[in-house]
N, C-alpha and C. Protein backbone atom coordinates (compact mmCIF):
# COMPACT_ATOMS: atom_id res chain seq x y z
N MET A 1 -0.75 -5.84 15.77
CA MET A 1 -0.48 -5.43 14.40
C MET A 1 -0.83 -3.95 14.27
N ASP A 2 0.07 -3.24 13.66
CA ASP A 2 -0.09 -1.80 13.49
C ASP A 2 -1.16 -1.50 12.43
N LYS A 3 -1.96 -0.45 12.68
CA LYS A 3 -3.03 -0.12 11.73
C LYS A 3 -2.48 0.30 10.38
N ASN A 4 -1.25 0.80 10.34
CA ASN A 4 -0.64 1.19 9.06
C ASN A 4 -0.43 -0.02 8.15
N ARG A 5 -0.17 -1.18 8.74
CA ARG A 5 0.00 -2.39 7.93
C ARG A 5 -1.31 -2.75 7.25
N ILE A 6 -2.41 -2.64 7.98
CA ILE A 6 -3.72 -2.99 7.43
C ILE A 6 -4.14 -1.97 6.37
N GLU A 7 -4.02 -0.70 6.70
CA GLU A 7 -4.39 0.35 5.74
C GLU A 7 -3.50 0.30 4.50
N GLY A 8 -2.22 0.01 4.70
CA GLY A 8 -1.30 -0.09 3.57
C GLY A 8 -1.67 -1.23 2.63
N ALA A 9 -2.05 -2.36 3.20
CA ALA A 9 -2.45 -3.50 2.38
C ALA A 9 -3.72 -3.17 1.59
N ALA A 10 -4.63 -2.45 2.22
CA ALA A 10 -5.86 -2.05 1.52
C ALA A 10 -5.54 -1.10 0.37
N LYS A 11 -4.62 -0.16 0.60
CA LYS A 11 -4.23 0.77 -0.47
C LYS A 11 -3.55 0.03 -1.61
N GLN A 12 -2.73 -0.96 -1.27
CA GLN A 12 -2.05 -1.74 -2.30
C GLN A 12 -3.08 -2.45 -3.19
N LEU A 13 -4.06 -3.05 -2.55
CA LEU A 13 -5.10 -3.76 -3.30
C LEU A 13 -5.89 -2.79 -4.18
N LYS A 14 -6.31 -1.68 -3.60
CA LYS A 14 -7.08 -0.69 -4.35
C LYS A 14 -6.26 -0.14 -5.53
N GLY A 15 -4.99 0.12 -5.28
CA GLY A 15 -4.13 0.63 -6.34
C GLY A 15 -3.92 -0.38 -7.45
N SER A 16 -3.77 -1.65 -7.07
CA SER A 16 -3.60 -2.71 -8.08
C SER A 16 -4.83 -2.83 -8.96
N VAL A 17 -6.00 -2.74 -8.35
CA VAL A 17 -7.25 -2.83 -9.12
C VAL A 17 -7.36 -1.63 -10.06
N LYS A 18 -7.07 -0.45 -9.54
CA LYS A 18 -7.16 0.77 -10.36
C LYS A 18 -6.15 0.71 -11.52
N GLU A 19 -4.97 0.22 -11.22
CA GLU A 19 -3.94 0.11 -12.26
C GLU A 19 -4.38 -0.89 -13.35
N ALA A 20 -4.93 -2.01 -12.93
CA ALA A 20 -5.39 -3.02 -13.89
C ALA A 20 -6.53 -2.48 -14.75
N MET A 21 -7.45 -1.76 -14.13
CA MET A 21 -8.56 -1.17 -14.89
C MET A 21 -8.04 -0.15 -15.89
N GLY A 22 -7.03 0.60 -15.50
CA GLY A 22 -6.43 1.55 -16.42
C GLY A 22 -5.79 0.85 -17.62
N LYS A 23 -5.13 -0.28 -17.36
CA LYS A 23 -4.53 -1.05 -18.45
C LYS A 23 -5.59 -1.60 -19.39
N VAL A 24 -6.65 -2.15 -18.82
CA VAL A 24 -7.72 -2.76 -19.62
C VAL A 24 -8.41 -1.72 -20.49
N THR A 25 -8.68 -0.56 -19.92
CA THR A 25 -9.41 0.48 -20.66
C THR A 25 -8.49 1.37 -21.50
N GLY A 26 -7.18 1.23 -21.30
CA GLY A 26 -6.24 2.07 -22.04
C GLY A 26 -6.11 3.46 -21.46
N ASN A 27 -6.57 3.64 -20.24
CA ASN A 27 -6.51 4.94 -19.58
C ASN A 27 -5.19 5.04 -18.80
N ARG A 28 -4.24 5.72 -19.39
CA ARG A 28 -2.91 5.81 -18.77
C ARG A 28 -2.91 6.62 -17.48
N VAL A 29 -3.81 7.58 -17.36
CA VAL A 29 -3.89 8.37 -16.14
C VAL A 29 -4.33 7.48 -14.98
N LYS A 30 -5.38 6.69 -15.17
CA LYS A 30 -5.85 5.77 -14.13
C LYS A 30 -4.77 4.73 -13.80
N GLN A 31 -4.08 4.29 -14.81
CA GLN A 31 -3.01 3.31 -14.61
C GLN A 31 -1.92 3.91 -13.73
N ALA A 32 -1.53 5.14 -14.00
CA ALA A 32 -0.50 5.81 -13.21
C ALA A 32 -0.98 6.10 -11.80
N GLU A 33 -2.24 6.50 -11.67
CA GLU A 33 -2.81 6.74 -10.33
C GLU A 33 -2.79 5.45 -9.52
N GLY A 34 -3.15 4.36 -10.15
CA GLY A 34 -3.16 3.07 -9.47
C GLY A 34 -1.77 2.65 -9.03
N ALA A 35 -0.79 2.86 -9.90
CA ALA A 35 0.59 2.51 -9.55
C ALA A 35 1.08 3.36 -8.38
N ALA A 36 0.74 4.63 -8.38
CA ALA A 36 1.14 5.53 -7.30
C ALA A 36 0.47 5.12 -5.99
N GLU A 37 -0.81 4.77 -6.06
CA GLU A 37 -1.53 4.37 -4.85
C GLU A 37 -0.98 3.04 -4.31
N ARG A 38 -0.65 2.14 -5.21
CA ARG A 38 -0.06 0.86 -4.80
C ARG A 38 1.27 1.08 -4.10
N LEU A 39 2.09 1.98 -4.64
CA LEU A 39 3.38 2.30 -4.03
C LEU A 39 3.19 2.96 -2.66
N ALA A 40 2.22 3.86 -2.55
CA ALA A 40 1.94 4.50 -1.27
C ALA A 40 1.50 3.46 -0.24
N GLY A 41 0.73 2.50 -0.67
CA GLY A 41 0.31 1.42 0.23
C GLY A 41 1.47 0.58 0.69
N THR A 42 2.39 0.31 -0.22
CA THR A 42 3.58 -0.46 0.14
C THR A 42 4.40 0.28 1.18
N MET A 43 4.57 1.57 0.98
CA MET A 43 5.35 2.38 1.93
C MET A 43 4.65 2.41 3.30
N GLN A 44 3.34 2.56 3.31
CA GLN A 44 2.60 2.60 4.56
C GLN A 44 2.69 1.26 5.29
N ALA A 45 2.61 0.16 4.55
CA ALA A 45 2.72 -1.16 5.16
C ALA A 45 4.12 -1.35 5.76
N LYS A 46 5.15 -0.90 5.06
CA LYS A 46 6.52 -1.00 5.59
C LYS A 46 6.68 -0.17 6.86
N LEU A 47 6.04 0.99 6.90
CA LEU A 47 6.07 1.82 8.09
C LEU A 47 5.42 1.08 9.26
N GLY A 48 4.32 0.42 9.01
CA GLY A 48 3.66 -0.37 10.05
C GLY A 48 4.52 -1.52 10.53
N GLU A 49 5.22 -2.18 9.61
CA GLU A 49 6.12 -3.27 9.98
C GLU A 49 7.24 -2.76 10.87
N ALA A 50 7.79 -1.61 10.52
CA ALA A 50 8.86 -1.03 11.33
C ALA A 50 8.36 -0.65 12.72
N ALA A 51 7.15 -0.12 12.80
CA ALA A 51 6.57 0.24 14.10
C ALA A 51 6.36 -1.01 14.95
N ASP A 52 5.88 -2.09 14.33
CA ASP A 52 5.70 -3.34 15.06
C ASP A 52 7.03 -3.88 15.57
N ALA A 53 8.05 -3.83 14.73
CA ALA A 53 9.37 -4.32 15.12
C ALA A 53 9.94 -3.49 16.28
N LEU A 54 9.75 -2.20 16.21
CA LEU A 54 10.23 -1.31 17.27
C LEU A 54 9.50 -1.60 18.59
N ARG A 55 8.20 -1.79 18.50
CA ARG A 55 7.43 -2.12 19.71
C ARG A 55 7.90 -3.44 20.31
N GLY A 56 8.22 -4.39 19.45
CA GLY A 56 8.70 -5.70 19.93
C GLY A 56 10.03 -5.59 20.64
N ARG A 57 10.89 -4.72 20.16
CA ARG A 57 12.20 -4.55 20.80
C ARG A 57 12.11 -3.77 22.09
N VAL A 58 11.20 -2.82 22.15
CA VAL A 58 11.05 -1.99 23.35
C VAL A 58 10.47 -2.83 24.50
N LYS A 59 9.59 -3.78 24.19
CA LYS A 59 8.97 -4.62 25.22
C LYS A 59 9.95 -5.60 25.84
N ARG A 60 11.03 -5.91 25.20
CA ARG A 60 11.99 -6.91 25.71
C ARG A 60 12.81 -6.38 26.82
């Protein structure tokens, strides 16, 4: 498993928590930061998935 998948999942979780806290407290800046971090985590996880798929094809 590629480290980007793990780090991406962690960023997604952290971003989701930050976004939820922003919603609860009414802090739109924190909410937007959380959404951006969650999206960055999603992109990083997808990059890791692509790297894993590429490694799987190269080994065949």
